[in-house]
């Protein structure tokens, strides 16, 4: 049985390569079920002070001249070109470019059975699922979504993505000790999906992949294999 192909959407201040490294345990845990394909967001994030880098997606800022870049899917502060999950804003910047990046990935690297997102990437996945169900992006045809440390965007411009509960089968994963995206924010996103499944872990801001989590992932995925 061929593994399910899943498009992976990284978090803010990450990129495809760093997210692949961070999810090594998940790839090992589900190597028979999943083939994970990673892409990188189009928006370059300005380096933050060292003490700020840990606030976002637990990724240290690369040294100057390094090949790894901090990237994001949209900015909530269009003047500072920065993002905070809890920042209220009327409009965002960069989302259309990010949708185009996913559209291109689906065309050139697809088809994909599902989509997985982490943190800002998980919030973006919810938007992609909404676009798919509204038939606004005909190239998107995901059968399921996995959202890790997800949240509803606080940007007014994004309210259009949450008008109706999404029908796509979804697994929502979040940690009780997450200091970046508190679990109440992830719980709020549950209401945007019809019959969401949930995996709660005791840890922080990461993609959990301990042996204790294998069964929950497998039970969710077996429907699609």
Protein backbone atom coordinates (compact mmCIF):
# COMPACT_ATOMS: atom_id res chain seq x y z
CA UNK A 1 0.00 0.00 0.00
CA UNK A 2 1.48 3.30 -1.12
CA UNK A 3 1.94 5.94 1.60
CA UNK A 4 -0.30 8.99 1.60
CA UNK A 5 1.38 12.07 0.16
CA UNK A 6 1.08 15.08 2.45
CA UNK A 7 2.03 18.69 1.75
CA UNK A 8 3.78 20.20 4.79
CA UNK A 9 3.34 23.87 5.68
CA UNK A 10 5.92 25.16 8.17
CA UNK A 11 5.51 27.73 10.94
CA UNK A 12 6.56 31.37 11.14
CA UNK A 13 10.36 31.86 11.18
CA UNK A 14 10.84 28.40 9.73
CA UNK A 15 11.33 27.12 6.18
CA UNK A 16 10.86 23.81 4.42
CA UNK A 17 14.30 22.49 5.38
CA UNK A 18 14.13 23.43 9.04
CA UNK A 19 10.60 22.06 9.37
CA UNK A 20 11.72 18.80 7.79
CA UNK A 21 14.41 18.53 10.46
CA UNK A 22 11.95 19.37 13.24
CA UNK A 23 9.55 16.65 12.07
CA UNK A 24 12.10 13.87 11.72
CA UNK A 25 10.48 11.93 14.55
CA UNK A 26 7.07 12.19 12.89
CA UNK A 27 8.43 10.94 9.56
CA UNK A 28 9.99 7.98 11.36
CA UNK A 29 6.85 7.29 13.38
CA UNK A 30 4.57 7.25 10.32
CA UNK A 31 7.00 6.24 7.56
CA UNK A 32 4.70 3.45 6.36
CA UNK A 33 1.66 5.72 6.23
CA UNK A 34 2.98 9.08 5.02
CA UNK A 35 5.28 10.65 2.47
CA UNK A 36 5.85 14.22 3.64
CA UNK A 37 6.65 16.90 1.06
CA UNK A 38 7.92 20.25 2.36
CA UNK A 39 7.65 23.68 0.79
CA UNK A 40 8.94 27.10 1.89
CA UNK A 41 6.86 30.25 2.35
CA UNK A 42 7.54 33.14 -0.05
CA UNK A 43 7.86 35.93 2.55
CA UNK A 44 11.28 36.61 4.04
CA UNK A 45 11.09 37.47 7.74
CA UNK A 46 13.47 40.07 9.13
CA UNK A 47 15.89 38.75 11.77
CA UNK A 48 14.63 39.29 15.30
CA UNK A 49 16.63 39.95 18.43
CA UNK A 50 17.87 36.71 19.94
CA UNK A 51 15.48 36.94 22.87
CA UNK A 52 12.52 37.32 20.49
CA UNK A 53 13.36 34.37 18.28
CA UNK A 54 12.14 31.84 20.82
CA UNK A 55 8.72 33.47 21.03
CA UNK A 56 7.53 32.27 17.67
CA UNK A 57 8.06 28.73 16.42
CA UNK A 58 10.96 27.69 18.61
CA UNK A 59 13.45 28.32 15.83
CA UNK A 60 16.59 30.32 16.47
CA UNK A 61 17.33 33.01 13.94
CA UNK A 62 19.99 31.88 11.42
CA UNK A 63 23.35 33.56 11.54
CA UNK A 64 23.99 36.23 8.94
CA UNK A 65 25.13 34.68 5.70
CA UNK A 66 23.55 31.33 6.53
CA UNK A 67 21.73 29.42 3.82
CA UNK A 68 18.62 28.94 5.95
CA UNK A 69 16.13 31.77 5.90
CA UNK A 70 13.28 32.65 8.25
CA UNK A 71 10.06 32.70 6.27
CA UNK A 72 6.37 33.39 6.85
CA UNK A 73 3.00 32.98 5.15
CA UNK A 74 1.59 36.45 5.95
CA UNK A 75 2.35 39.51 8.03
CA UNK A 76 -0.15 40.82 10.58
CA UNK A 77 1.78 44.10 10.88
CA UNK A 78 2.04 45.47 7.36
CA UNK A 79 4.30 48.35 8.43
CA UNK A 80 6.83 46.35 10.42
CA UNK A 81 6.50 43.30 8.14
CA UNK A 82 6.12 41.07 11.16
CA UNK A 83 3.63 38.57 12.52
CA UNK A 84 2.08 37.75 15.86
CA UNK A 85 -0.74 35.23 16.23
CA UNK A 86 -2.43 37.39 18.86
CA UNK A 87 -2.17 40.70 17.00
CA UNK A 88 -5.52 42.19 15.98
CA UNK A 89 -5.35 43.69 12.50
CA UNK A 90 -7.68 44.89 9.78
CA UNK A 91 -5.62 43.66 6.86
CA UNK A 92 -2.61 41.45 6.27
CA UNK A 93 0.18 41.33 3.73
CA UNK A 94 1.50 38.45 1.66
CA UNK A 95 -1.31 35.91 1.80
CA UNK A 96 -1.97 35.95 -1.95
CA UNK A 97 1.69 35.18 -2.67
CA UNK A 98 1.53 32.28 -0.24
CA UNK A 99 -1.62 30.86 -1.83
CA UNK A 100 0.14 31.09 -5.19
CA UNK A 101 3.12 29.19 -3.74
CA UNK A 102 0.84 26.35 -2.61
CA UNK A 103 -0.99 26.36 -5.93
CA UNK A 104 2.32 25.97 -7.77
CA UNK A 105 3.47 23.20 -5.42
CA UNK A 106 0.26 21.26 -6.03
CA UNK A 107 0.69 21.60 -9.80
CA UNK A 108 4.38 20.64 -9.89
CA UNK A 109 4.75 18.23 -6.96
CA UNK A 110 1.21 16.91 -6.48
CA UNK A 111 -1.19 15.33 -6.28
CA UNK A 112 -1.41 15.32 -2.49
CA UNK A 113 -3.76 13.30 -0.35
CA UNK A 114 -3.58 15.69 2.58
CA UNK A 115 -2.02 18.79 4.07
CA UNK A 116 -0.23 19.30 7.40
CA UNK A 117 0.52 22.66 8.98
CA UNK A 118 2.28 23.87 12.11
CA UNK A 119 1.48 27.08 14.01
CA UNK A 120 1.09 29.91 11.45
CA UNK A 121 1.23 27.13 8.86
CA UNK A 122 -1.71 25.38 10.55
CA UNK A 123 -3.72 28.60 10.52
CA UNK A 124 -2.86 28.88 6.82
CA UNK A 125 -4.01 25.29 6.25
CA UNK A 126 -7.45 26.19 7.62
CA UNK A 127 -7.60 29.03 5.09
CA UNK A 128 -6.56 26.71 2.26
CA UNK A 129 -9.28 24.26 3.25
CA UNK A 130 -11.82 27.08 3.19
CA UNK A 131 -10.69 28.15 -0.29
CA UNK A 132 -10.96 24.54 -1.43
CA UNK A 133 -14.49 24.10 -0.11
CA UNK A 134 -15.61 27.44 -1.55
CA UNK A 135 -14.19 26.18 -4.87
CA UNK A 136 -12.06 29.30 -5.16
CA UNK A 137 -8.87 27.30 -5.77
CA UNK A 138 -9.68 24.51 -8.26
CA UNK A 139 -6.18 23.02 -7.99
CA UNK A 140 -6.65 22.20 -4.30
CA UNK A 141 -8.08 18.75 -3.65
CA UNK A 142 -6.91 17.73 -0.17
CA UNK A 143 -8.78 14.82 1.40
CA UNK A 144 -7.73 15.61 4.96
CA UNK A 145 -5.89 18.17 7.07
CA UNK A 146 -3.64 17.89 10.12
CA UNK A 147 -3.30 21.13 12.07
CA UNK A 148 -0.63 21.31 14.79
CA UNK A 149 -0.75 24.29 17.18
CA UNK A 150 -3.28 25.95 14.92
CA UNK A 151 -5.37 29.06 15.57
CA UNK A 152 -7.91 31.38 13.99
CA UNK A 153 -6.33 34.42 12.40
CA UNK A 154 -7.06 37.61 14.37
CA UNK A 155 -7.09 39.63 11.14
CA UNK A 156 -10.50 41.02 10.12
CA UNK A 157 -9.63 40.44 6.47
CA UNK A 158 -9.55 36.69 7.19
CA UNK A 159 -13.03 36.37 8.67
CA UNK A 160 -14.21 35.18 5.25
CA UNK A 161 -12.39 31.88 5.85
CA UNK A 162 -14.51 31.06 8.91
CA UNK A 163 -18.05 31.64 7.62
CA UNK A 164 -19.13 28.00 7.65
CA UNK A 165 -17.77 24.88 9.37
CA UNK A 166 -15.32 23.10 7.08
CA UNK A 167 -16.33 19.61 6.02
CA UNK A 168 -12.84 18.26 5.36
CA UNK A 169 -11.76 15.58 7.88
CA UNK A 170 -9.31 17.20 10.28
CA UNK A 171 -6.99 16.21 13.10
CA UNK A 172 -6.08 19.01 15.50
CA UNK A 173 -2.93 18.56 17.58
CA UNK A 174 -1.92 20.90 20.41
CA UNK A 175 0.05 20.98 23.64
CA UNK A 176 -1.17 21.96 27.09
CA UNK A 177 2.15 23.70 27.81
CA UNK A 178 2.36 25.61 24.54
CA UNK A 179 3.46 29.15 25.39
CA UNK A 180 3.48 30.39 21.78
CA UNK A 181 -0.01 29.29 20.75
CA UNK A 182 -1.89 28.62 24.01
CA UNK A 183 -4.21 25.63 23.81
CA UNK A 184 -7.30 27.84 24.13
CA UNK A 185 -6.41 29.38 20.74
CA UNK A 186 -6.19 25.93 19.17
CA UNK A 187 -9.49 24.95 20.78
CA UNK A 188 -11.11 28.03 19.24
CA UNK A 189 -10.13 26.77 15.79
CA UNK A 190 -12.01 23.51 16.39
CA UNK A 191 -15.33 25.29 15.93
CA UNK A 192 -14.34 26.10 12.35
CA UNK A 193 -14.42 22.40 11.41
CA UNK A 194 -17.20 19.84 11.24
CA UNK A 195 -16.45 16.85 13.50
CA UNK A 196 -12.77 17.66 14.19
CA UNK A 197 -10.62 14.97 15.75
CA UNK A 198 -8.22 16.01 18.49
CA UNK A 199 -4.82 14.89 19.80
CA UNK A 200 -3.81 16.72 22.98
CA UNK A 201 -0.30 16.25 24.36
CA UNK A 202 1.24 17.53 27.61
CA UNK A 203 4.13 19.35 25.93
CA UNK A 204 4.83 22.68 24.31
CA UNK A 205 5.16 24.19 20.83
CA UNK A 206 6.22 21.28 18.63
CA UNK A 207 4.87 18.44 16.49
CA UNK A 208 4.47 15.48 18.88
CA UNK A 209 5.65 12.11 17.62
CA UNK A 210 6.09 9.83 20.60
CA UNK A 211 5.05 6.21 20.42
CA UNK A 212 2.00 7.05 22.52
CA UNK A 213 0.72 9.27 19.69
CA UNK A 214 1.12 6.72 16.88
CA UNK A 215 -2.30 5.12 17.31
CA UNK A 216 -4.18 8.42 17.15
CA UNK A 217 -2.40 9.40 13.95
CA UNK A 218 -2.90 5.96 12.42
CA UNK A 219 -6.58 5.79 13.34
CA UNK A 220 -7.14 9.13 11.65
CA UNK A 221 -5.14 8.24 8.53
CA UNK A 222 -6.46 4.72 7.92
CA UNK A 223 -9.70 6.13 6.49
CA UNK A 224 -7.76 7.54 3.55
CA UNK A 225 -5.48 4.63 2.71
